């Protein structure tokens, strides 16, 4: 889109006679379909993880709805025990930590029960 706009401007300013991208179709947007566990599958997963030293790494994302990179990037200061909230402020991707891609991904998760 940016390249197309720049080339249209180049035609308008008469740097070039026609836009080379006029006959090119833009690539299709690719939406990868994700497989979400059913409630029964989540129960089976949590039951299998019970007692494992990494049990929390299964329970937290399953209950709160965290993505893998979000779970891996959590820090102690992201937890507010008094308010019962967890701030999602970063994600891990390819061994580096980044802010989430969209502002909507930066969120606070609230405890649902006691």
PDB file of N, CA and C in Angstrom:
ATOM      1  N   UNK A   1       0.818  -1.178   0.000  1.00  0.00           N
ATOM      2  CA  UNK A   1       0.000   0.000   0.000  1.00  0.00           C
ATOM      3  C   UNK A   1       0.872   1.256   0.000  1.00  0.00           C
ATOM      4  N   UNK A   2       1.916   1.238   0.829  1.00  0.00           N
ATOM      5  CA  UNK A   2       2.813   2.395   0.912  1.00  0.00           C
ATOM      6  C   UNK A   2       3.545   2.602  -0.407  1.00  0.00           C
ATOM      7  N   UNK A   3       4.041   1.509  -0.974  1.00  0.00           N
ATOM      8  CA  UNK A   3       4.745   1.593  -2.254  1.00  0.00           C
ATOM      9  C   UNK A   3       3.807   2.089  -3.345  1.00  0.00           C
ATOM     10  N   UNK A   4       2.599   1.572  -3.373  1.00  0.00           N
ATOM     11  CA  UNK A   4       1.620   1.989  -4.385  1.00  0.00           C
ATOM     12  C   UNK A   4       1.320   3.483  -4.273  1.00  0.00           C
ATOM     13  N   UNK A   5       1.145   3.968  -3.062  1.00  0.00           N
ATOM     14  CA  UNK A   5       0.868   5.387  -2.860  1.00  0.00           C
ATOM     15  C   UNK A   5       2.057   6.246  -3.315  1.00  0.00           C
ATOM     16  N   UNK A   6       3.271   5.800  -2.974  1.00  0.00           N
ATOM     17  CA  UNK A   6       4.464   6.545  -3.380  1.00  0.00           C
ATOM     18  C   UNK A   6       4.587   6.593  -4.897  1.00  0.00           C
ATOM     19  N   UNK A   7       4.284   5.485  -5.560  1.00  0.00           N
ATOM     20  CA  UNK A   7       4.367   5.460  -7.023  1.00  0.00           C
ATOM     21  C   UNK A   7       3.280   6.328  -7.658  1.00  0.00           C
ATOM     22  N   UNK A   8       2.103   6.342  -7.076  1.00  0.00           N
ATOM     23  CA  UNK A   8       1.044   7.239  -7.588  1.00  0.00           C
ATOM     24  C   UNK A   8       1.458   8.699  -7.442  1.00  0.00           C
ATOM     25  N   UNK A   9       2.104   9.014  -6.334  1.00  0.00           N
ATOM     26  CA  UNK A   9       2.622  10.376  -6.149  1.00  0.00           C
ATOM     27  C   UNK A   9       3.696  10.688  -7.184  1.00  0.00           C
ATOM     28  N   UNK A  10       4.536   9.704  -7.498  1.00  0.00           N
ATOM     29  CA  UNK A  10       5.587   9.909  -8.505  1.00  0.00           C
ATOM     30  C   UNK A  10       4.976  10.206  -9.868  1.00  0.00           C
ATOM     31  N   UNK A  11       3.859   9.548 -10.204  1.00  0.00           N
ATOM     32  CA  UNK A  11       3.161   9.844 -11.462  1.00  0.00           C
ATOM     33  C   UNK A  11       2.577  11.249 -11.402  1.00  0.00           C
ATOM     34  N   UNK A  12       1.962  11.581 -10.287  1.00  0.00           N
ATOM     35  CA  UNK A  12       1.336  12.895 -10.127  1.00  0.00           C
ATOM     36  C   UNK A  12       2.363  14.022 -10.245  1.00  0.00           C
ATOM     37  N   UNK A  13       3.563  13.797  -9.693  1.00  0.00           N
ATOM     38  CA  UNK A  13       4.623  14.809  -9.776  1.00  0.00           C
ATOM     39  C   UNK A  13       5.447  14.686 -11.062  1.00  0.00           C
ATOM     40  N   UNK A  14       5.024  13.741 -11.927  1.00  0.00           N
ATOM     41  CA  UNK A  14       5.642  13.514 -13.238  1.00  0.00           C
ATOM     42  C   UNK A  14       7.101  13.060 -13.174  1.00  0.00           C
ATOM     43  N   UNK A  15       7.429  12.295 -12.141  1.00  0.00           N
ATOM     44  CA  UNK A  15       8.748  11.666 -12.082  1.00  0.00           C
ATOM     45  C   UNK A  15       8.764  10.419 -12.971  1.00  0.00           C
ATOM     46  N   UNK A  16       7.607   9.749 -13.062  1.00  0.00           N
ATOM     47  CA  UNK A  16       7.440   8.580 -13.928  1.00  0.00           C
ATOM     48  C   UNK A  16       6.145   8.745 -14.697  1.00  0.00           C
ATOM     49  N   UNK A  17       6.005   8.026 -15.832  1.00  0.00           N
ATOM     50  CA  UNK A  17       4.824   8.218 -16.676  1.00  0.00           C
ATOM     51  C   UNK A  17       3.626   7.378 -16.240  1.00  0.00           C
ATOM     52  N   UNK A  18       3.884   6.210 -15.672  1.00  0.00           N
ATOM     53  CA  UNK A  18       2.767   5.389 -15.172  1.00  0.00           C
ATOM     54  C   UNK A  18       3.235   4.551 -13.994  1.00  0.00           C
ATOM     55  N   UNK A  19       2.287   4.099 -13.205  1.00  0.00           N
ATOM     56  CA  UNK A  19       2.594   3.336 -12.005  1.00  0.00           C
ATOM     57  C   UNK A  19       2.900   1.886 -12.365  1.00  0.00           C
ATOM     58  N   UNK A  20       4.109   1.393 -12.079  1.00  0.00           N
ATOM     59  CA  UNK A  20       4.449   0.005 -12.405  1.00  0.00           C
ATOM     60  C   UNK A  20       3.608  -1.019 -11.650  1.00  0.00           C
ATOM     61  N   UNK A  21       3.013  -0.638 -10.538  1.00  0.00           N
ATOM     62  CA  UNK A  21       2.223  -1.587  -9.745  1.00  0.00           C
ATOM     63  C   UNK A  21       0.763  -1.649 -10.180  1.00  0.00           C
ATOM     64  N   UNK A  22       0.390  -0.901 -11.223  1.00  0.00           N
ATOM     65  CA  UNK A  22      -1.010  -0.845 -11.641  1.00  0.00           C
ATOM     66  C   UNK A  22      -1.551  -2.210 -12.059  1.00  0.00           C
ATOM     67  N   UNK A  23      -0.721  -3.050 -12.631  1.00  0.00           N
ATOM     68  CA  UNK A  23      -1.168  -4.358 -13.110  1.00  0.00           C
ATOM     69  C   UNK A  23      -0.905  -5.487 -12.114  1.00  0.00           C
ATOM     70  N   UNK A  24      -0.390  -5.162 -10.949  1.00  0.00           N
ATOM     71  CA  UNK A  24      -0.020  -6.177  -9.970  1.00  0.00           C
ATOM     72  C   UNK A  24      -1.116  -6.313  -8.919  1.00  0.00           C
ATOM     73  N   UNK A  25      -1.480  -7.557  -8.618  1.00  0.00           N
ATOM     74  CA  UNK A  25      -2.467  -7.793  -7.557  1.00  0.00           C
ATOM     75  C   UNK A  25      -1.748  -7.850  -6.216  1.00  0.00           C
ATOM     76  N   UNK A  26      -2.313  -7.239  -5.186  1.00  0.00           N
ATOM     77  CA  UNK A  26      -1.671  -7.322  -3.866  1.00  0.00           C
ATOM     78  C   UNK A  26      -1.760  -8.747  -3.336  1.00  0.00           C
ATOM     79  N   UNK A  27      -0.818  -9.117  -2.482  1.00  0.00           N
ATOM     80  CA  UNK A  27      -0.868 -10.483  -1.921  1.00  0.00           C
ATOM     81  C   UNK A  27      -2.096 -10.650  -1.047  1.00  0.00           C
ATOM     82  N   UNK A  28      -2.590 -11.868  -1.008  1.00  0.00           N
ATOM     83  CA  UNK A  28      -3.732 -12.185  -0.151  1.00  0.00           C
ATOM     84  C   UNK A  28      -3.294 -12.139   1.300  1.00  0.00           C
ATOM     85  N   UNK A  29      -4.149 -11.626   2.139  1.00  0.00           N
ATOM     86  CA  UNK A  29      -3.844 -11.611   3.561  1.00  0.00           C
ATOM     87  C   UNK A  29      -3.987 -13.029   4.089  1.00  0.00           C
ATOM     88  N   UNK A  30      -2.964 -13.482   4.787  1.00  0.00           N
ATOM     89  CA  UNK A  30      -2.942 -14.857   5.290  1.00  0.00           C
ATOM     90  C   UNK A  30      -3.366 -14.869   6.740  1.00  0.00           C
ATOM     91  N   UNK A  31      -4.423 -15.589   7.032  1.00  0.00           N
ATOM     92  CA  UNK A  31      -4.887 -15.761   8.405  1.00  0.00           C
ATOM     93  C   UNK A  31      -4.651 -17.210   8.801  1.00  0.00           C
ATOM     94  N   UNK A  32      -3.698 -17.429   9.685  1.00  0.00           N
ATOM     95  CA  UNK A  32      -3.436 -18.784  10.140  1.00  0.00           C
ATOM     96  C   UNK A  32      -4.525 -19.171  11.135  1.00  0.00           C
ATOM     97  N   UNK A  33      -5.129 -20.302  10.885  1.00  0.00           N
ATOM     98  CA  UNK A  33      -6.174 -20.780  11.782  1.00  0.00           C
ATOM     99  C   UNK A  33      -5.516 -21.432  13.002  1.00  0.00           C
ATOM    100  N   UNK A  34      -5.993 -21.063  14.175  1.00  0.00           N
ATOM    101  CA  UNK A  34      -5.431 -21.637  15.389  1.00  0.00           C
ATOM    102  C   UNK A  34      -6.386 -22.690  15.940  1.00  0.00           C
ATOM    103  N   UNK A  35      -5.823 -23.678  16.548  1.00  0.00           N
ATOM    104  CA  UNK A  35      -6.621 -24.726  17.180  1.00  0.00           C
ATOM    105  C   UNK A  35      -6.707 -24.429  18.673  1.00  0.00           C
ATOM    106  N   UNK A  36      -7.920 -24.271  19.152  1.00  0.00           N
ATOM    107  CA  UNK A  36      -8.163 -23.972  20.558  1.00  0.00           C
ATOM    108  C   UNK A  36      -8.650 -25.240  21.242  1.00  0.00           C
ATOM    109  N   UNK A  37      -8.149 -25.472  22.439  1.00  0.00           N
ATOM    110  CA  UNK A  37      -8.584 -26.643  23.191  1.00  0.00           C
ATOM    111  C   UNK A  37     -10.030 -26.495  23.634  1.00  0.00           C
ATOM    112  N   UNK A  38     -10.734 -27.595  23.642  1.00  0.00           N
ATOM    113  CA  UNK A  38     -12.094 -27.604  24.164  1.00  0.00           C
ATOM    114  C   UNK A  38     -12.018 -27.581  25.691  1.00  0.00           C
ATOM    115  N   UNK A  39     -13.098 -27.236  26.372  1.00  0.00           N
ATOM    116  CA  UNK A  39     -13.080 -27.273  27.838  1.00  0.00           C
ATOM    117  C   UNK A  39     -12.681 -28.642  28.390  1.00  0.00           C
ATOM    118  N   UNK A  40     -13.146 -29.721  27.751  1.00  0.00           N
ATOM    119  CA  UNK A  40     -12.761 -31.058  28.217  1.00  0.00           C
ATOM    120  C   UNK A  40     -11.266 -31.308  28.026  1.00  0.00           C
ATOM    121  N   UNK A  41     -10.708 -30.834  26.915  1.00  0.00           N
ATOM    122  CA  UNK A  41      -9.273 -30.989  26.686  1.00  0.00           C
ATOM    123  C   UNK A  41      -8.461 -30.192  27.701  1.00  0.00           C
ATOM    124  N   UNK A  42      -8.948 -29.006  28.068  1.00  0.00           N
ATOM    125  CA  UNK A  42      -8.264 -28.202  29.088  1.00  0.00           C
ATOM    126  C   UNK A  42      -8.277 -28.943  30.421  1.00  0.00           C
ATOM    127  N   UNK A  43      -9.411 -29.528  30.769  1.00  0.00           N
ATOM    128  CA  UNK A  43      -9.498 -30.310  32.015  1.00  0.00           C
ATOM    129  C   UNK A  43      -8.506 -31.461  32.002  1.00  0.00           C
ATOM    130  N   UNK A  44      -8.403 -32.155  30.872  1.00  0.00           N
ATOM    131  CA  UNK A  44      -7.459 -33.272  30.754  1.00  0.00           C
ATOM    132  C   UNK A  44      -6.020 -32.782  30.889  1.00  0.00           C
ATOM    133  N   UNK A  45      -5.721 -31.650  30.249  1.00  0.00           N
ATOM    134  CA  UNK A  45      -4.371 -31.086  30.322  1.00  0.00           C
ATOM    135  C   UNK A  45      -4.013 -30.727  31.758  1.00  0.00           C
ATOM    136  N   UNK A  46      -4.920 -30.036  32.432  1.00  0.00           N
ATOM    137  CA  UNK A  46      -4.649 -29.615  33.806  1.00  0.00           C
ATOM    138  C   UNK A  46      -4.566 -30.811  34.752  1.00  0.00           C
ATOM    139  N   UNK A  47      -5.355 -31.821  34.485  1.00  0.00           N
ATOM    140  CA  UNK A  47      -5.285 -33.041  35.296  1.00  0.00           C
ATOM    141  C   UNK A  47      -3.940 -33.741  35.095  1.00  0.00           C
ATOM    142  N   UNK A  48      -3.475 -33.799  33.867  1.00  0.00           N
ATOM    143  CA  UNK A  48      -2.184 -34.438  33.572  1.00  0.00           C
ATOM    144  C   UNK A  48      -1.022 -33.635  34.150  1.00  0.00           C
ATOM    145  N   UNK A  49      -1.181 -32.302  34.242  1.00  0.00           N
ATOM    146  CA  UNK A  49      -0.106 -31.433  34.743  1.00  0.00           C
ATOM    147  C   UNK A  49      -0.058 -31.380  36.268  1.00  0.00           C
ATOM    148  N   UNK A  50      -1.107 -31.857  36.934  1.00  0.00           N
ATOM    149  CA  UNK A  50      -1.185 -31.772  38.394  1.00  0.00           C
ATOM    150  C   UNK A  50       0.028 -32.437  39.035  1.00  0.00           C
ATOM    151  N   UNK A  51       0.707 -31.662  39.876  1.00  0.00           N
ATOM    152  CA  UNK A  51       1.869 -32.176  40.582  1.00  0.00           C
ATOM    153  C   UNK A  51       3.183 -31.981  39.841  1.00  0.00           C
ATOM    154  N   UNK A  52       3.127 -31.622  38.572  1.00  0.00           N
ATOM    155  CA  UNK A  52       4.345 -31.382  37.795  1.00  0.00           C
ATOM    156  C   UNK A  52       5.015 -30.105  38.289  1.00  0.00           C
ATOM    157  N   UNK A  53       6.341 -30.054  38.261  1.00  0.00           N
ATOM    158  CA  UNK A  53       7.037 -28.862  38.751  1.00  0.00           C
ATOM    159  C   UNK A  53       6.713 -27.625  37.895  1.00  0.00           C
ATOM    160  N   UNK A  54       6.225 -27.824  36.679  1.00  0.00           N
ATOM    161  CA  UNK A  54       5.837 -26.707  35.810  1.00  0.00           C
ATOM    162  C   UNK A  54       4.314 -26.547  35.713  1.00  0.00           C
ATOM    163  N   UNK A  55       3.610 -27.058  36.700  1.00  0.00           N
ATOM    164  CA  UNK A  55       2.144 -27.016  36.667  1.00  0.00           C
ATOM    165  C   UNK A  55       1.612 -25.608  36.438  1.00  0.00           C
ATOM    166  N   UNK A  56       2.199 -24.627  37.092  1.00  0.00           N
ATOM    167  CA  UNK A  56       1.733 -23.239  36.932  1.00  0.00           C
ATOM    168  C   UNK A  56       1.862 -22.759  35.496  1.00  0.00           C
ATOM    169  N   UNK A  57       2.851 -23.263  34.764  1.00  0.00           N
ATOM    170  CA  UNK A  57       3.040 -22.869  33.363  1.00  0.00           C
ATOM    171  C   UNK A  57       1.927 -23.413  32.472  1.00  0.00           C
ATOM    172  N   UNK A  58       1.170 -24.395  32.954  1.00  0.00           N
ATOM    173  CA  UNK A  58       0.015 -24.906  32.226  1.00  0.00           C
ATOM    174  C   UNK A  58      -1.275 -24.245  32.721  1.00  0.00           C
ATOM    175  N   UNK A  59      -1.370 -24.087  34.038  1.00  0.00           N
ATOM    176  CA  UNK A  59      -2.606 -23.577  34.642  1.00  0.00           C
ATOM    177  C   UNK A  59      -2.835 -22.107  34.272  1.00  0.00           C
ATOM    178  N   UNK A  60      -1.823 -21.271  34.451  1.00  0.00           N
ATOM    179  CA  UNK A  60      -2.000 -19.835  34.229  1.00  0.00           C
ATOM    180  C   UNK A  60      -2.480 -19.504  32.811  1.00  0.00           C
ATOM    181  N   UNK A  61      -1.809 -19.977  31.757  1.00  0.00           N
ATOM    182  CA  UNK A  61      -2.309 -19.631  30.423  1.00  0.00           C
ATOM    183  C   UNK A  61      -3.680 -20.232  30.132  1.00  0.00           C
ATOM    184  N   UNK A  62      -3.962 -21.418  30.666  1.00  0.00           N
ATOM    185  CA  UNK A  62      -5.256 -22.050  30.403  1.00  0.00           C
ATOM    186  C   UNK A  62      -6.397 -21.284  31.065  1.00  0.00           C
ATOM    187  N   UNK A  63      -6.164 -20.797  32.272  1.00  0.00           N
ATOM    188  CA  UNK A  63      -7.214 -20.105  33.017  1.00  0.00           C
ATOM    189  C   UNK A  63      -7.362 -18.651  32.580  1.00  0.00           C
ATOM    190  N   UNK A  64      -6.241 -17.972  32.359  1.00  0.00           N
ATOM    191  CA  UNK A  64      -6.260 -16.537  32.060  1.00  0.00           C
ATOM    192  C   UNK A  64      -6.353 -16.268  30.559  1.00  0.00           C
ATOM    193  N   UNK A  65      -5.960 -17.235  29.734  1.00  0.00           N
ATOM    194  CA  UNK A  65      -6.007 -17.037  28.292  1.00  0.00           C
ATOM    195  C   UNK A  65      -4.755 -16.383  27.744  1.00  0.00           C
ATOM    196  N   UNK A  66      -3.606 -16.710  28.324  1.00  0.00           N
ATOM    197  CA  UNK A  66      -2.350 -16.132  27.854  1.00  0.00           C
ATOM    198  C   UNK A  66      -1.813 -16.889  26.655  1.00  0.00           C
ATOM    199  N   UNK A  67      -1.169 -16.152  25.771  1.00  0.00           N
ATOM    200  CA  UNK A  67      -0.424 -16.784  24.687  1.00  0.00           C
ATOM    201  C   UNK A  67       0.912 -17.251  25.254  1.00  0.00           C
ATOM    202  N   UNK A  68       1.569 -18.154  24.544  1.00  0.00           N
ATOM    203  CA  UNK A  68       2.823 -18.721  25.021  1.00  0.00           C
ATOM    204  C   UNK A  68       3.864 -17.633  25.276  1.00  0.00           C
ATOM    205  N   UNK A  69       4.045 -16.716  24.330  1.00  0.00           N
ATOM    206  CA  UNK A  69       5.036 -15.651  24.481  1.00  0.00           C
ATOM    207  C   UNK A  69       4.716 -14.721  25.638  1.00  0.00           C
ATOM    208  N   UNK A  70       3.423 -14.478  25.881  1.00  0.00           N
ATOM    209  CA  UNK A  70       3.015 -13.627  26.999  1.00  0.00           C
ATOM    210  C   UNK A  70       3.348 -14.297  28.325  1.00  0.00           C
ATOM    211  N   UNK A  71       3.092 -15.577  28.405  1.00  0.00           N
ATOM    212  CA  UNK A  71       3.379 -16.330  29.633  1.00  0.00           C
ATOM    213  C   UNK A  71       4.879 -16.332  29.916  1.00  0.00           C
ATOM    214  N   UNK A  72       5.678 -16.529  28.886  1.00  0.00           N
ATOM    215  CA  UNK A  72       7.132 -16.586  29.058  1.00  0.00           C
ATOM    216  C   UNK A  72       7.742 -15.238  29.424  1.00  0.00           C
ATOM    217  N   UNK A  73       7.038 -14.150  29.121  1.00  0.00           N
ATOM    218  CA  UNK A  73       7.598 -12.817  29.386  1.00  0.00           C
ATOM    219  C   UNK A  73       7.147 -12.215  30.713  1.00  0.00           C
ATOM    220  N   UNK A  74       6.335 -12.939  31.469  1.00  0.00           N
ATOM    221  CA  UNK A  74       5.833 -12.385  32.730  1.00  0.00           C
ATOM    222  C   UNK A  74       6.962 -12.140  33.726  1.00  0.00           C
ATOM    223  N   UNK A  75       6.794 -11.071  34.499  1.00  0.00           N
ATOM    224  CA  UNK A  75       7.724 -10.730  35.577  1.00  0.00           C
ATOM    225  C   UNK A  75       6.927 -10.591  36.867  1.00  0.00           C
ATOM    226  N   UNK A  76       7.617 -10.723  37.964  1.00  0.00           N
ATOM    227  CA  UNK A  76       6.964 -10.638  39.266  1.00  0.00           C
ATOM    228  C   UNK A  76       6.202  -9.318  39.424  1.00  0.00           C
ATOM    229  N   UNK A  77       6.784  -8.227  38.929  1.00  0.00           N
ATOM    230  CA  UNK A  77       6.129  -6.918  39.085  1.00  0.00           C
ATOM    231  C   UNK A  77       4.858  -6.769  38.239  1.00  0.00           C
ATOM    232  N   UNK A  78       4.570  -7.731  37.368  1.00  0.00           N
ATOM    233  CA  UNK A  78       3.330  -7.705  36.585  1.00  0.00           C
ATOM    234  C   UNK A  78       2.125  -8.161  37.405  1.00  0.00           C
ATOM    235  N   UNK A  79       2.389  -8.722  38.576  1.00  0.00           N
ATOM    236  CA  UNK A  79       1.320  -9.260  39.419  1.00  0.00           C
ATOM    237  C   UNK A  79       0.995  -8.279  40.537  1.00  0.00           C
ATOM    238  N   UNK A  80      -0.293  -7.969  40.695  1.00  0.00           N
ATOM    239  CA  UNK A  80      -0.757  -7.172  41.824  1.00  0.00           C
ATOM    240  C   UNK A  80      -1.631  -8.093  42.669  1.00  0.00           C
ATOM    241  N   UNK A  81      -1.046  -8.656  43.717  1.00  0.00           N
ATOM    242  CA  UNK A  81      -1.759  -9.621  44.547  1.00  0.00           C
ATOM    243  C   UNK A  81      -2.930  -8.985  45.282  1.00  0.00           C
ATOM    244  N   UNK A  82      -2.797  -7.711  45.683  1.00  0.00           N
ATOM    245  CA  UNK A  82      -3.881  -7.041  46.408  1.00  0.00           C
ATOM    246  C   UNK A  82      -5.111  -6.853  45.523  1.00  0.00           C
ATOM    247  N   UNK A  83      -4.903  -6.463  44.278  1.00  0.00           N
ATOM    248  CA  UNK A  83      -6.027  -6.240  43.358  1.00  0.00           C
ATOM    249  C   UNK A  83      -6.423  -7.514  42.620  1.00  0.00           C
ATOM    250  N   UNK A  84      -5.557  -8.509  42.657  1.00  0.00           N
ATOM    251  CA  UNK A  84      -5.845  -9.748  41.929  1.00  0.00           C
ATOM    252  C   UNK A  84      -5.743  -9.583  40.432  1.00  0.00           C
ATOM    253  N   UNK A  85      -4.757  -8.799  39.976  1.00  0.00           N
ATOM    254  CA  UNK A  85      -4.608  -8.550  38.547  1.00  0.00           C
ATOM    255  C   UNK A  85      -3.230  -8.973  38.049  1.00  0.00           C
ATOM    256  N   UNK A  86      -3.167  -9.195  36.771  1.00  0.00           N
ATOM    257  CA  UNK A  86      -1.935  -9.560  36.083  1.00  0.00           C
ATOM    258  C   UNK A  86      -1.839  -8.679  34.847  1.00  0.00           C
ATOM    259  N   UNK A  87      -0.758  -7.904  34.705  1.00  0.00           N
ATOM    260  CA  UNK A  87      -0.583  -7.017  33.549  1.00  0.00           C
ATOM    261  C   UNK A  87       0.167  -7.753  32.450  1.00  0.00           C
ATOM    262  N   UNK A  88      -0.395  -7.720  31.250  1.00  0.00           N
ATOM    263  CA  UNK A  88       0.254  -8.295  30.077  1.00  0.00           C
ATOM    264  C   UNK A  88       0.853  -7.127  29.305  1.00  0.00           C
ATOM    265  N   UNK A  89       2.182  -6.984  29.364  1.00  0.00           N
ATOM    266  CA  UNK A  89       2.843  -5.808  28.790  1.00  0.00           C
ATOM    267  C   UNK A  89       3.897  -6.143  27.747  1.00  0.00           C
ATOM    268  N   UNK A  90       4.223  -7.427  27.611  1.00  0.00           N
ATOM    269  CA  UNK A  90       5.287  -7.801  26.683  1.00  0.00           C
ATOM    270  C   UNK A  90       5.073  -9.238  26.243  1.00  0.00           C
ATOM    271  N   UNK A  91       5.820  -9.629  25.233  1.00  0.00           N
ATOM    272  CA  UNK A  91       5.758 -10.993  24.730  1.00  0.00           C
ATOM    273  C   UNK A  91       7.140 -11.437  24.283  1.00  0.00           C
ATOM    274  N   UNK A  92       7.375 -12.720  24.276  1.00  0.00           N
ATOM    275  CA  UNK A  92       8.643 -13.270  23.795  1.00  0.00           C
ATOM    276  C   UNK A  92       8.406 -13.840  22.406  1.00  0.00           C
ATOM    277  N   UNK A  93       9.296 -13.476  21.484  1.00  0.00           N
ATOM    278  CA  UNK A  93       9.234 -14.001  20.130  1.00  0.00           C
ATOM    279  C   UNK A  93      10.655 -14.150  19.623  1.00  0.00           C
ATOM    280  N   UNK A  94      11.001 -15.338  19.185  1.00  0.00           N
ATOM    281  CA  UNK A  94      12.342 -15.643  18.688  1.00  0.00           C
ATOM    282  C   UNK A  94      13.435 -15.217  19.670  1.00  0.00           C
ATOM    283  N   UNK A  95      13.251 -15.591  20.907  1.00  0.00           N
ATOM    284  CA  UNK A  95      14.217 -15.358  21.991  1.00  0.00           C
ATOM    285  C   UNK A  95      14.456 -13.882  22.315  1.00  0.00           C
ATOM    286  N   UNK A  96      13.562 -13.018  21.932  1.00  0.00           N
ATOM    287  CA  UNK A  96      13.646 -11.598  22.289  1.00  0.00           C
ATOM    288  C   UNK A  96      12.320 -11.158  22.878  1.00  0.00           C
ATOM    289  N   UNK A  97      12.372 -10.140  23.723  1.00  0.00           N
ATOM    290  CA  UNK A  97      11.167  -9.633  24.373  1.00  0.00           C
ATOM    291  C   UNK A  97      10.718  -8.360  23.646  1.00  0.00           C
ATOM    292  N   UNK A  98       9.429  -8.297  23.321  1.00  0.00           N
ATOM    293  CA  UNK A  98       8.851  -7.170  22.605  1.00  0.00           C
ATOM    294  C   UNK A  98       7.565  -6.727  23.293  1.00  0.00           C
ATOM    295  N   UNK A  99       7.148  -5.486  23.050  1.00  0.00           N
ATOM    296  CA  UNK A  99       5.794  -5.117  23.485  1.00  0.00           C
ATOM    297  C   UNK A  99       4.797  -5.858  22.593  1.00  0.00           C
ATOM    298  N   UNK A 100       3.580  -6.090  23.059  1.00  0.00           N
ATOM    299  CA  UNK A 100       2.586  -6.752  22.204  1.00  0.00           C
ATOM    300  C   UNK A 100       2.373  -5.979  20.906  1.00  0.00           C
ATOM    301  N   UNK A 101       1.966  -6.691  19.846  1.00  0.00           N
ATOM    302  CA  UNK A 101       1.826  -6.075  18.528  1.00  0.00           C
ATOM    303  C   UNK A 101       0.743  -5.001  18.493  1.00  0.00           C
ATOM    304  N   UNK A 102      -0.321  -5.202  19.229  1.00  0.00           N
ATOM    305  CA  UNK A 102      -1.425  -4.240  19.191  1.00  0.00           C
ATOM    306  C   UNK A 102      -1.718  -3.715  20.590  1.00  0.00           C
ATOM    307  N   UNK A 103      -2.251  -2.500  20.687  1.00  0.00           N
ATOM    308  CA  UNK A 103      -2.622  -1.975  22.006  1.00  0.00           C
ATOM    309  C   UNK A 103      -3.650  -2.864  22.711  1.00  0.00           C
ATOM    310  N   UNK A 104      -4.501  -3.535  21.942  1.00  0.00           N
ATOM    311  CA  UNK A 104      -5.511  -4.419  22.535  1.00  0.00           C
ATOM    312  C   UNK A 104      -4.858  -5.600  23.257  1.00  0.00           C
ATOM    313  N   UNK A 105      -3.678  -6.026  22.776  1.00  0.00           N
ATOM    314  CA  UNK A 105      -2.977  -7.145  23.415  1.00  0.00           C
ATOM    315  C   UNK A 105      -2.359  -6.755  24.747  1.00  0.00           C
ATOM    316  N   UNK A 106      -2.127  -5.465  24.942  1.00  0.00           N
ATOM    317  CA  UNK A 106      -1.608  -4.988  26.227  1.00  0.00           C
ATOM    318  C   UNK A 106      -2.818  -4.836  27.139  1.00  0.00           C
ATOM    319  N   UNK A 107      -2.931  -5.704  28.134  1.00  0.00           N
ATOM    320  CA  UNK A 107      -4.171  -5.735  28.910  1.00  0.00           C
ATOM    321  C   UNK A 107      -3.915  -6.146  30.346  1.00  0.00           C
ATOM    322  N   UNK A 108      -4.969  -6.086  31.137  1.00  0.00           N
ATOM    323  CA  UNK A 108      -4.937  -6.515  32.525  1.00  0.00           C
ATOM    324  C   UNK A 108      -5.914  -7.659  32.672  1.00  0.00           C
ATOM    325  N   UNK A 109      -5.480  -8.740  33.287  1.00  0.00           N
ATOM    326  CA  UNK A 109      -6.347  -9.865  33.552  1.00  0.00           C
ATOM    327  C   UNK A 109      -6.735  -9.826  35.018  1.00  0.00           C
ATOM    328  N   UNK A 110      -8.019 -10.037  35.294  1.00  0.00           N
ATOM    329  CA  UNK A 110      -8.529  -9.985  36.671  1.00  0.00           C
ATOM    330  C   UNK A 110      -8.862 -11.364  37.157  1.00  0.00           C
ATOM    331  N   UNK A 111      -8.662 -11.557  38.450  1.00  0.00           N
ATOM    332  CA  UNK A 111      -9.015 -12.838  39.055  1.00  0.00           C
ATOM    333  C   UNK A 111     -10.531 -12.978  39.015  1.00  0.00           C
ATOM    334  N   UNK A 112     -10.998 -14.181  38.729  1.00  0.00           N
ATOM    335  CA  UNK A 112     -12.434 -14.393  38.596  1.00  0.00           C
ATOM    336  C   UNK A 112     -13.077 -14.952  39.853  1.00  0.00           C
ATOM    337  N   UNK A 113     -12.301 -15.499  40.725  1.00  0.00           N
ATOM    338  CA  UNK A 113     -12.876 -16.061  41.945  1.00  0.00           C
ATOM    339  C   UNK A 113     -11.879 -15.989  43.072  1.00  0.00           C
ATOM    340  N   UNK A 114     -12.277 -16.451  44.258  1.00  0.00           N
ATOM    341  CA  UNK A 114     -11.341 -16.402  45.380  1.00  0.00           C
ATOM    342  C   UNK A 114     -10.788 -17.747  45.726  1.00  0.00           C
TER     343      UNK A 114
END
